[in-house]
Structure formats: C-alpha cells, structure tokens
C-alpha cells in the first residue's frame, strides 16, 4: 500500500474517532442534565476552541472534546491528550464570543470500553494537555463514566497499524 493511501486512511480513522467522541460527549451532556446543547461544528467547522456549547443551572460552557485511544501504537498508556497550540488564547476568544467558561471533555476509548472525564480549562494550570492519568486518580476534573462497556466494532478506530 502506498504511503499516500496509508496517510489518508490514518486521517480518516482519526477524524472518525473524533466524530465518535463528539457523539459520546453530546450523550454524556444530556445524561448530566445540561441544557441548550449545541454542536458548534454544525455552525462553523473548527470553531476556535470549542466543539460544544451548553448550559447548566444558568452557567454557560464551551467545551473542547478530545477523544483518544486508551493505548498508543506502541502499547503504552496514552496519558496526555493535547489541546493544541495557543489553546489558552483560543479559549479566551471563545469565552468572550460565547460569554461562557472554557472546559474540556476527554473520552478514552478502549476496544470494549470507554471512560469520560470533564473539567475546566483553568484546572490545567497552563498545561496544554489533559493529564488522563490524573483524571483517573481523581486529581483533576470529574470522572463521568469509568470503563463502561460499549457494543460497537472498534477495529476501525484502534490505532494499531493494520494496513
């Protein structure tokens, strides 16, 4: 298989995993009784910081959703989910635009299960990555779902090379 085709398949896998994560995020927000939930990518693809706008108890939130495989290609635990370059500047712009608090929602997928962690961006104290290992220990953010069984074929989404 050509390198170009491998790169296209990898890009498609990552995009699909991100979209799956956003669906899980929307469902978890409904389950947590958030209101006025809106996928910002429906309005403008790649909003500056956030993927989702929502409210709860009259507080407005903008949320960056990060969905990742639990394990890296080398088999090691994926302990940090990068939020991207200039995340704090982008978050501030989105906070001002939506008059909302910047948050993150990290979704950790394994072959048969998933976990969801939620927190405010300011909890990261300037870090540009969500420390999943600290989320698992209850040090940062909230654990909304912990290793819940999912029932879909995860083979396409796994980051183990099969091309």
N, C-alpha and C. Protein backbone atom coordinates (compact mmCIF):
# COMPACT_ATOMS: atom_id res chain seq x y z
N UNK A 1 0.84 -1.17 0.00
CA UNK A 1 0.00 0.00 0.00
C UNK A 1 0.89 1.24 0.00
N UNK A 2 0.52 2.24 -0.78
CA UNK A 2 1.33 3.44 -0.88
C UNK A 2 1.24 4.26 0.40
N UNK A 3 2.27 5.06 0.64
CA UNK A 3 2.30 5.92 1.82
C UNK A 3 1.14 6.92 1.81
N UNK A 4 0.80 7.41 0.61
CA UNK A 4 -0.30 8.37 0.49
C UNK A 4 -1.63 7.73 0.94
N UNK A 5 -1.85 6.52 0.54
CA UNK A 5 -3.08 5.82 0.93
C UNK A 5 -3.10 5.53 2.43
N UNK A 6 -1.96 5.14 2.99
CA UNK A 6 -1.85 4.90 4.43
C UNK A 6 -2.16 6.19 5.19
N UNK A 7 -1.62 7.32 4.73
CA UNK A 7 -1.87 8.60 5.38
C UNK A 7 -3.34 8.99 5.30
N UNK A 8 -3.99 8.74 4.17
CA UNK A 8 -5.41 9.04 4.02
C UNK A 8 -6.26 8.18 4.95
N UNK A 9 -5.91 6.91 5.07
CA UNK A 9 -6.65 6.02 5.97
C UNK A 9 -6.48 6.45 7.42
N UNK A 10 -5.25 6.86 7.77
CA UNK A 10 -4.98 7.32 9.14
C UNK A 10 -5.75 8.60 9.44
N UNK A 11 -5.79 9.52 8.50
CA UNK A 11 -6.54 10.77 8.68
C UNK A 11 -8.03 10.47 8.82
N UNK A 12 -8.53 9.54 8.05
CA UNK A 12 -9.94 9.16 8.13
C UNK A 12 -10.26 8.50 9.47
N UNK A 13 -9.35 7.66 9.95
CA UNK A 13 -9.54 6.99 11.25
C UNK A 13 -9.59 8.03 12.37
N UNK A 14 -8.65 8.97 12.36
CA UNK A 14 -8.61 9.99 13.42
C UNK A 14 -9.84 10.89 13.38
N UNK A 15 -10.26 11.27 12.17
CA UNK A 15 -11.46 12.12 12.03
C UNK A 15 -12.68 11.37 12.54
N UNK A 16 -12.80 10.11 12.19
CA UNK A 16 -13.94 9.30 12.63
C UNK A 16 -13.94 9.11 14.14
N UNK A 17 -12.77 8.91 14.73
CA UNK A 17 -12.68 8.77 16.18
C UNK A 17 -13.11 10.07 16.86
N UNK A 18 -12.71 11.20 16.31
CA UNK A 18 -13.12 12.49 16.84
C UNK A 18 -14.63 12.68 16.76
N UNK A 19 -15.22 12.29 15.64
CA UNK A 19 -16.67 12.41 15.47
C UNK A 19 -17.41 11.48 16.43
N UNK A 20 -16.89 10.28 16.61
CA UNK A 20 -17.48 9.35 17.57
C UNK A 20 -17.40 9.94 18.98
N UNK A 21 -16.27 10.54 19.31
CA UNK A 21 -16.11 11.19 20.61
C UNK A 21 -17.12 12.29 20.83
N UNK A 22 -17.37 13.08 19.79
CA UNK A 22 -18.36 14.16 19.92
C UNK A 22 -19.76 13.61 20.17
N UNK A 23 -20.10 12.50 19.54
CA UNK A 23 -21.41 11.88 19.79
C UNK A 23 -21.50 11.40 21.24
N UNK A 24 -20.45 10.78 21.73
CA UNK A 24 -20.43 10.32 23.13
C UNK A 24 -20.49 11.53 24.08
N UNK A 25 -19.83 12.62 23.70
CA UNK A 25 -19.85 13.84 24.51
C UNK A 25 -21.26 14.40 24.60
N UNK A 26 -21.94 14.50 23.47
CA UNK A 26 -23.30 15.02 23.46
C UNK A 26 -24.22 14.18 24.34
N UNK A 27 -24.10 12.86 24.23
CA UNK A 27 -24.92 11.96 25.04
C UNK A 27 -24.61 12.15 26.53
N UNK A 28 -23.34 12.28 26.87
CA UNK A 28 -22.98 12.43 28.29
C UNK A 28 -23.50 13.75 28.85
N UNK A 29 -23.49 14.81 28.05
CA UNK A 29 -24.02 16.09 28.50
C UNK A 29 -25.52 16.01 28.75
N UNK A 30 -26.23 15.31 27.89
CA UNK A 30 -27.66 15.09 28.10
C UNK A 30 -27.87 14.32 29.40
N UNK A 31 -27.10 13.26 29.59
CA UNK A 31 -27.22 12.43 30.80
C UNK A 31 -26.91 13.23 32.07
N UNK A 32 -26.03 14.22 31.96
CA UNK A 32 -25.65 15.05 33.11
C UNK A 32 -26.58 16.26 33.27
N UNK A 33 -27.66 16.29 32.48
CA UNK A 33 -28.71 17.31 32.61
C UNK A 33 -28.27 18.72 32.19
N UNK A 34 -27.38 18.80 31.19
CA UNK A 34 -27.05 20.09 30.60
C UNK A 34 -28.17 20.48 29.64
N UNK A 35 -28.33 21.78 29.42
CA UNK A 35 -29.37 22.31 28.53
C UNK A 35 -28.74 23.03 27.35
N UNK A 36 -29.58 23.36 26.38
CA UNK A 36 -29.17 24.15 25.21
C UNK A 36 -27.88 23.63 24.59
N UNK A 37 -27.74 22.34 24.52
CA UNK A 37 -26.53 21.70 23.98
C UNK A 37 -26.51 21.92 22.46
N UNK A 38 -25.38 22.43 21.99
CA UNK A 38 -25.26 22.71 20.56
C UNK A 38 -23.86 22.31 20.08
N UNK A 39 -23.81 21.53 19.03
CA UNK A 39 -22.54 21.18 18.42
C UNK A 39 -22.10 22.36 17.56
N UNK A 40 -21.06 23.04 17.97
CA UNK A 40 -20.61 24.24 17.27
C UNK A 40 -20.07 23.94 15.88
N UNK A 41 -19.64 22.71 15.65
CA UNK A 41 -19.15 22.33 14.33
C UNK A 41 -20.27 22.29 13.30
N UNK A 42 -21.52 22.22 13.76
CA UNK A 42 -22.64 22.29 12.83
C UNK A 42 -22.78 23.70 12.25
N UNK A 43 -22.38 24.71 13.03
CA UNK A 43 -22.47 26.10 12.60
C UNK A 43 -21.23 26.53 11.82
N UNK A 44 -20.08 26.18 12.34
CA UNK A 44 -18.81 26.60 11.75
C UNK A 44 -17.78 25.53 12.03
N UNK A 45 -17.35 24.82 11.00
CA UNK A 45 -16.39 23.75 11.21
C UNK A 45 -15.11 24.31 11.82
N UNK A 46 -14.63 23.65 12.85
CA UNK A 46 -13.42 24.03 13.56
C UNK A 46 -13.52 25.41 14.23
N UNK A 47 -14.52 25.53 15.09
CA UNK A 47 -14.64 26.72 15.93
C UNK A 47 -13.30 26.90 16.66
N UNK A 48 -12.95 28.12 16.97
CA UNK A 48 -11.63 28.45 17.51
C UNK A 48 -11.16 27.52 18.61
N UNK A 49 -11.96 27.28 19.63
CA UNK A 49 -11.54 26.41 20.74
C UNK A 49 -12.50 25.25 20.93
N UNK A 50 -13.76 25.55 20.93
CA UNK A 50 -14.76 24.60 21.42
C UNK A 50 -15.45 23.81 20.31
N UNK A 51 -15.92 22.64 20.71
CA UNK A 51 -16.75 21.81 19.84
C UNK A 51 -18.22 21.92 20.22
N UNK A 52 -18.48 22.19 21.51
CA UNK A 52 -19.84 22.17 22.03
C UNK A 52 -20.10 23.38 22.91
N UNK A 53 -21.29 23.95 22.77
CA UNK A 53 -21.79 24.97 23.69
C UNK A 53 -22.94 24.34 24.46
N UNK A 54 -23.05 24.64 25.76
CA UNK A 54 -24.17 24.14 26.55
C UNK A 54 -24.33 24.99 27.81
N UNK A 55 -25.40 24.74 28.53
CA UNK A 55 -25.67 25.44 29.79
C UNK A 55 -26.11 24.43 30.84
N UNK A 56 -25.88 24.80 32.08
CA UNK A 56 -26.39 24.04 33.21
C UNK A 56 -26.55 25.00 34.37
N UNK A 57 -27.73 25.02 34.95
CA UNK A 57 -28.01 25.92 36.08
C UNK A 57 -27.64 27.36 35.75
N UNK A 58 -28.00 27.79 34.54
CA UNK A 58 -27.77 29.16 34.05
C UNK A 58 -26.30 29.51 33.85
N UNK A 59 -25.40 28.55 33.90
CA UNK A 59 -23.98 28.77 33.61
C UNK A 59 -23.72 28.27 32.19
N UNK A 60 -23.02 29.09 31.41
CA UNK A 60 -22.72 28.76 30.02
C UNK A 60 -21.32 28.14 29.91
N UNK A 61 -21.22 27.11 29.09
CA UNK A 61 -19.95 26.40 28.91
C UNK A 61 -19.64 26.26 27.42
N UNK A 62 -18.37 26.34 27.10
CA UNK A 62 -17.86 25.92 25.80
C UNK A 62 -16.89 24.79 26.09
N UNK A 63 -17.02 23.73 25.32
CA UNK A 63 -16.27 22.51 25.64
C UNK A 63 -15.47 22.03 24.44
N UNK A 64 -14.20 21.79 24.67
CA UNK A 64 -13.33 21.17 23.68
C UNK A 64 -13.34 19.67 23.96
N UNK A 65 -13.76 18.90 22.97
CA UNK A 65 -13.84 17.44 23.12
C UNK A 65 -12.60 16.80 22.53
N UNK A 66 -11.96 15.93 23.32
CA UNK A 66 -10.79 15.20 22.86
C UNK A 66 -11.04 13.72 23.06
N UNK A 67 -11.13 12.99 21.96
CA UNK A 67 -11.33 11.54 22.01
C UNK A 67 -10.05 10.87 21.54
N UNK A 68 -9.60 9.92 22.32
CA UNK A 68 -8.35 9.24 22.01
C UNK A 68 -8.46 7.76 22.37
N UNK A 69 -7.57 6.98 21.77
CA UNK A 69 -7.42 5.59 22.18
C UNK A 69 -6.73 5.54 23.53
N UNK A 70 -7.11 4.58 24.34
CA UNK A 70 -6.50 4.44 25.66
C UNK A 70 -5.01 4.13 25.55
N UNK A 71 -4.65 3.37 24.53
CA UNK A 71 -3.25 2.98 24.37
C UNK A 71 -2.67 3.55 23.08
N UNK A 72 -1.40 3.91 23.13
CA UNK A 72 -0.67 4.39 21.97
C UNK A 72 -0.35 3.22 21.04
N UNK A 73 0.16 3.52 19.87
CA UNK A 73 0.53 2.46 18.92
C UNK A 73 1.57 1.52 19.49
N UNK A 74 2.44 2.04 20.37
CA UNK A 74 3.49 1.20 20.96
C UNK A 74 2.99 0.38 22.15
N UNK A 75 1.70 0.49 22.47
CA UNK A 75 1.11 -0.29 23.56
C UNK A 75 1.12 0.40 24.91
N UNK A 76 1.82 1.53 25.02
CA UNK A 76 1.86 2.27 26.29
C UNK A 76 0.57 3.05 26.48
N UNK A 77 0.21 3.28 27.74
CA UNK A 77 -0.96 4.06 28.08
C UNK A 77 -0.83 5.48 27.53
N UNK A 78 -1.89 5.97 26.91
CA UNK A 78 -1.93 7.34 26.39
C UNK A 78 -2.36 8.25 27.54
N UNK A 79 -1.41 8.86 28.24
CA UNK A 79 -1.70 9.57 29.48
C UNK A 79 -2.00 11.05 29.32
N UNK A 80 -1.72 11.64 28.15
CA UNK A 80 -1.94 13.08 27.96
C UNK A 80 -2.62 13.31 26.62
N UNK A 81 -3.72 14.08 26.65
CA UNK A 81 -4.44 14.42 25.42
C UNK A 81 -4.18 15.89 25.12
N UNK A 82 -3.45 16.15 24.06
CA UNK A 82 -3.06 17.52 23.71
C UNK A 82 -4.27 18.35 23.30
N UNK A 83 -4.28 19.59 23.77
CA UNK A 83 -5.36 20.52 23.44
C UNK A 83 -4.99 21.44 22.28
N UNK A 84 -3.73 21.43 21.88
CA UNK A 84 -3.32 22.19 20.71
C UNK A 84 -2.56 23.46 21.04
N UNK A 85 -1.97 23.99 20.00
CA UNK A 85 -1.17 25.21 20.10
C UNK A 85 -2.07 26.40 20.45
N UNK A 86 -1.60 27.28 21.26
CA UNK A 86 -2.30 28.52 21.63
C UNK A 86 -3.68 28.25 22.24
N UNK A 87 -3.81 27.15 22.95
CA UNK A 87 -5.12 26.76 23.49
C UNK A 87 -5.71 27.83 24.41
N UNK A 88 -4.90 28.45 25.22
CA UNK A 88 -5.43 29.43 26.17
C UNK A 88 -5.89 30.71 25.47
N UNK A 89 -5.16 31.14 24.45
CA UNK A 89 -5.57 32.30 23.67
C UNK A 89 -6.87 32.01 22.92
N UNK A 90 -6.95 30.83 22.33
CA UNK A 90 -8.15 30.44 21.59
C UNK A 90 -9.34 30.29 22.54
N UNK A 91 -9.10 29.72 23.71
CA UNK A 91 -10.18 29.55 24.69
C UNK A 91 -10.70 30.90 25.15
N UNK A 92 -9.80 31.84 25.39
CA UNK A 92 -10.22 33.18 25.82
C UNK A 92 -11.10 33.84 24.76
N UNK A 93 -10.71 33.71 23.51
CA UNK A 93 -11.51 34.28 22.42
C UNK A 93 -12.90 33.65 22.39
N UNK A 94 -12.97 32.33 22.57
CA UNK A 94 -14.26 31.64 22.59
C UNK A 94 -15.08 31.99 23.83
N UNK A 95 -14.41 32.13 24.97
CA UNK A 95 -15.12 32.54 26.18
C UNK A 95 -15.78 33.89 25.98
N UNK A 96 -15.07 34.81 25.36
CA UNK A 96 -15.62 36.14 25.09
C UNK A 96 -16.74 36.08 24.07
N UNK A 97 -16.55 35.30 23.03
CA UNK A 97 -17.55 35.19 21.96
C UNK A 97 -18.87 34.63 22.49
N UNK A 98 -18.79 33.60 23.34
CA UNK A 98 -19.99 32.92 23.82
C UNK A 98 -20.39 33.30 25.25
N UNK A 99 -19.60 34.18 25.87
CA UNK A 99 -19.83 34.55 27.27
C UNK A 99 -19.97 33.27 28.11
N UNK A 100 -18.97 32.42 28.02
CA UNK A 100 -19.03 31.09 28.62
C UNK A 100 -17.67 30.70 29.22
N UNK A 101 -17.69 29.67 30.04
CA UNK A 101 -16.49 29.13 30.68
C UNK A 101 -15.90 28.03 29.80
N UNK A 102 -14.60 28.10 29.57
CA UNK A 102 -13.91 27.09 28.75
C UNK A 102 -13.67 25.82 29.56
N UNK A 103 -14.09 24.70 28.97
CA UNK A 103 -13.93 23.38 29.61
C UNK A 103 -13.42 22.38 28.59
N UNK A 104 -13.07 21.22 29.09
CA UNK A 104 -12.65 20.11 28.23
C UNK A 104 -13.42 18.86 28.63
N UNK A 105 -13.59 18.00 27.68
CA UNK A 105 -14.22 16.70 27.91
C UNK A 105 -13.35 15.68 27.18
N UNK A 106 -12.73 14.80 27.93
CA UNK A 106 -11.82 13.80 27.37
C UNK A 106 -12.51 12.44 27.36
N UNK A 107 -12.47 11.81 26.20
CA UNK A 107 -13.10 10.49 26.06
C UNK A 107 -12.02 9.49 25.68
N UNK A 108 -11.87 8.52 26.55
CA UNK A 108 -10.83 7.50 26.41
C UNK A 108 -11.50 6.22 25.92
N UNK A 109 -11.14 5.80 24.71
CA UNK A 109 -11.71 4.58 24.13
C UNK A 109 -10.73 3.43 24.22
N UNK A 110 -11.23 2.29 24.60
CA UNK A 110 -10.50 1.03 24.53
C UNK A 110 -11.32 0.13 23.62
N UNK A 111 -10.82 -1.05 23.35
CA UNK A 111 -11.50 -1.93 22.39
C UNK A 111 -12.94 -2.25 22.81
N UNK A 112 -13.20 -2.43 24.09
CA UNK A 112 -14.54 -2.81 24.55
C UNK A 112 -15.16 -1.85 25.55
N UNK A 113 -14.46 -0.77 25.89
CA UNK A 113 -14.99 0.13 26.92
C UNK A 113 -14.56 1.57 26.65
N UNK A 114 -15.15 2.48 27.43
CA UNK A 114 -14.79 3.88 27.33
C UNK A 114 -14.93 4.55 28.69
N UNK A 115 -14.21 5.67 28.85
CA UNK A 115 -14.29 6.50 30.04
C UNK A 115 -14.44 7.94 29.58
N UNK A 116 -15.11 8.76 30.41
CA UNK A 116 -15.29 10.17 30.09
C UNK A 116 -14.91 11.01 31.30
N UNK A 117 -14.08 12.02 31.04
CA UNK A 117 -13.62 12.94 32.08
C UNK A 117 -13.97 14.37 31.65
N UNK A 118 -14.35 15.20 32.63
CA UNK A 118 -14.76 16.57 32.37
C UNK A 118 -14.05 17.51 33.33
N UNK A 119 -13.64 18.68 32.83
CA UNK A 119 -13.03 19.67 33.70
C UNK A 119 -12.98 21.04 33.07
N UNK A 120 -12.65 22.01 33.87
CA UNK A 120 -12.47 23.39 33.39
C UNK A 120 -11.03 23.56 32.92
N UNK A 121 -10.85 24.37 31.90
CA UNK A 121 -9.52 24.59 31.35
C UNK A 121 -8.57 25.15 32.40
N UNK A 122 -9.06 26.04 33.25
CA UNK A 122 -8.17 26.65 34.24
C UNK A 122 -7.64 25.65 35.27
N UNK A 123 -8.25 24.47 35.38
CA UNK A 123 -7.74 23.42 36.28
C UNK A 123 -6.38 22.90 35.81
N UNK A 124 -6.08 23.10 34.54
CA UNK A 124 -4.84 22.55 33.98
C UNK A 124 -3.62 23.42 34.28
N UNK A 125 -3.85 24.58 34.89
CA UNK A 125 -2.75 25.46 35.33
C UNK A 125 -1.72 25.74 34.24
N UNK A 126 -2.20 26.07 33.05
CA UNK A 126 -1.29 26.44 31.97
C UNK A 126 -0.81 25.29 31.11
N UNK A 127 -1.10 24.06 31.49
CA UNK A 127 -0.71 22.91 30.68
C UNK A 127 -1.55 22.89 29.40
N UNK A 128 -0.95 22.45 28.31
CA UNK A 128 -1.64 22.37 27.03
C UNK A 128 -2.15 20.96 26.74
N UNK A 129 -2.20 20.13 27.78
CA UNK A 129 -2.68 18.76 27.62
C UNK A 129 -3.49 18.34 28.83
N UNK A 130 -4.46 17.48 28.60
CA UNK A 130 -5.28 16.92 29.67
C UNK A 130 -4.53 15.70 30.23
N UNK A 131 -4.17 15.72 31.49
CA UNK A 131 -3.44 14.59 32.08
C UNK A 131 -4.41 13.47 32.49
N UNK A 132 -4.67 12.56 31.58
CA UNK A 132 -5.65 11.50 31.81
C UNK A 132 -5.28 10.66 33.03
N UNK A 133 -4.00 10.44 33.25
CA UNK A 133 -3.60 9.66 34.42
C UNK A 133 -4.06 10.36 35.71
N UNK A 134 -4.03 11.69 35.75
CA UNK A 134 -4.51 12.43 36.93
C UNK A 134 -6.03 12.44 37.00
N UNK A 135 -6.68 12.43 35.85
CA UNK A 135 -8.15 12.32 35.83
C UNK A 135 -8.58 10.99 36.43
N UNK A 136 -7.90 9.93 36.04
CA UNK A 136 -8.23 8.59 36.54
C UNK A 136 -8.07 8.50 38.06
N UNK A 137 -7.13 9.26 38.61
CA UNK A 137 -6.87 9.24 40.05
C UNK A 137 -7.74 10.23 40.81
N UNK A 138 -8.57 11.01 40.08
CA UNK A 138 -9.43 11.99 40.73
C UNK A 138 -8.73 13.27 41.14
N UNK A 139 -7.54 13.51 40.62
CA UNK A 139 -6.77 14.71 40.96
C UNK A 139 -7.27 15.92 40.18
N UNK A 140 -7.64 15.70 38.91
CA UNK A 140 -8.10 16.77 38.03
C UNK A 140 -9.43 16.38 37.41
N UNK A 141 -10.34 17.36 37.35
CA UNK A 141 -11.62 17.13 36.68
C UNK A 141 -12.53 16.19 37.42
N UNK A 142 -13.56 15.74 36.72
CA UNK A 142 -14.54 14.79 37.24
C UNK A 142 -14.59 13.57 36.34
N UNK A 143 -14.74 12.41 36.92
CA UNK A 143 -14.97 11.20 36.14
C UNK A 143 -16.47 11.04 35.97
N UNK A 144 -16.92 11.12 34.74
CA UNK A 144 -18.35 10.95 34.46
C UNK A 144 -18.70 9.49 34.17
N UNK A 145 -17.81 8.82 33.48
CA UNK A 145 -18.01 7.40 33.14
C UNK A 145 -16.66 6.73 33.27
N UNK A 146 -16.63 5.55 33.91
CA UNK A 146 -15.37 4.85 34.11
C UNK A 146 -15.46 3.43 33.56
N UNK A 147 -14.74 3.20 32.49
CA UNK A 147 -14.65 1.87 31.87
C UNK A 147 -16.00 1.22 31.63
N UNK A 148 -16.90 1.95 31.01
CA UNK A 148 -18.22 1.41 30.67
C UNK A 148 -18.12 0.64 29.36
N UNK A 149 -18.78 -0.48 29.31
CA UNK A 149 -18.76 -1.34 28.12
C UNK A 149 -19.48 -0.66 26.97
N UNK A 150 -18.87 -0.66 25.79
CA UNK A 150 -19.58 -0.24 24.58
C UNK A 150 -19.76 -1.48 23.70
N UNK A 151 -20.67 -1.39 22.77
CA UNK A 151 -21.03 -2.56 21.98
C UNK A 151 -20.90 -2.30 20.48
N UNK A 152 -19.82 -1.68 20.07
CA UNK A 152 -19.61 -1.49 18.64
C UNK A 152 -18.27 -2.06 18.24
N UNK A 153 -18.12 -2.30 16.96
CA UNK A 153 -16.89 -2.85 16.41
C UNK A 153 -15.83 -1.75 16.40
N UNK A 154 -14.84 -1.88 17.23
CA UNK A 154 -13.84 -0.83 17.41
C UNK A 154 -12.62 -0.99 16.51
N UNK A 155 -12.57 -2.05 15.72
CA UNK A 155 -11.38 -2.33 14.93
C UNK A 155 -10.94 -1.16 14.04
N UNK A 156 -11.88 -0.46 13.43
CA UNK A 156 -11.52 0.66 12.55
C UNK A 156 -10.86 1.79 13.34
N UNK A 157 -11.29 2.00 14.58
CA UNK A 157 -10.84 3.15 15.36
C UNK A 157 -9.52 2.92 16.10
N UNK A 158 -9.13 1.68 16.28
CA UNK A 158 -7.91 1.40 17.02
C UNK A 158 -6.71 1.98 16.29
N UNK A 159 -5.69 2.37 17.04
CA UNK A 159 -4.52 2.98 16.41
C UNK A 159 -3.41 1.97 16.12
N UNK A 160 -3.73 0.71 16.14
CA UNK A 160 -2.75 -0.30 15.77
C UNK A 160 -2.74 -0.42 14.25
N UNK A 161 -1.58 -0.33 13.68
CA UNK A 161 -1.45 -0.36 12.22
C UNK A 161 -1.90 -1.72 11.67
N UNK A 162 -2.82 -1.68 10.69
CA UNK A 162 -3.31 -2.89 10.06
C UNK A 162 -3.30 -2.79 8.54
N UNK A 163 -2.67 -1.78 8.02
CA UNK A 163 -2.76 -1.55 6.58
C UNK A 163 -1.85 -2.48 5.86
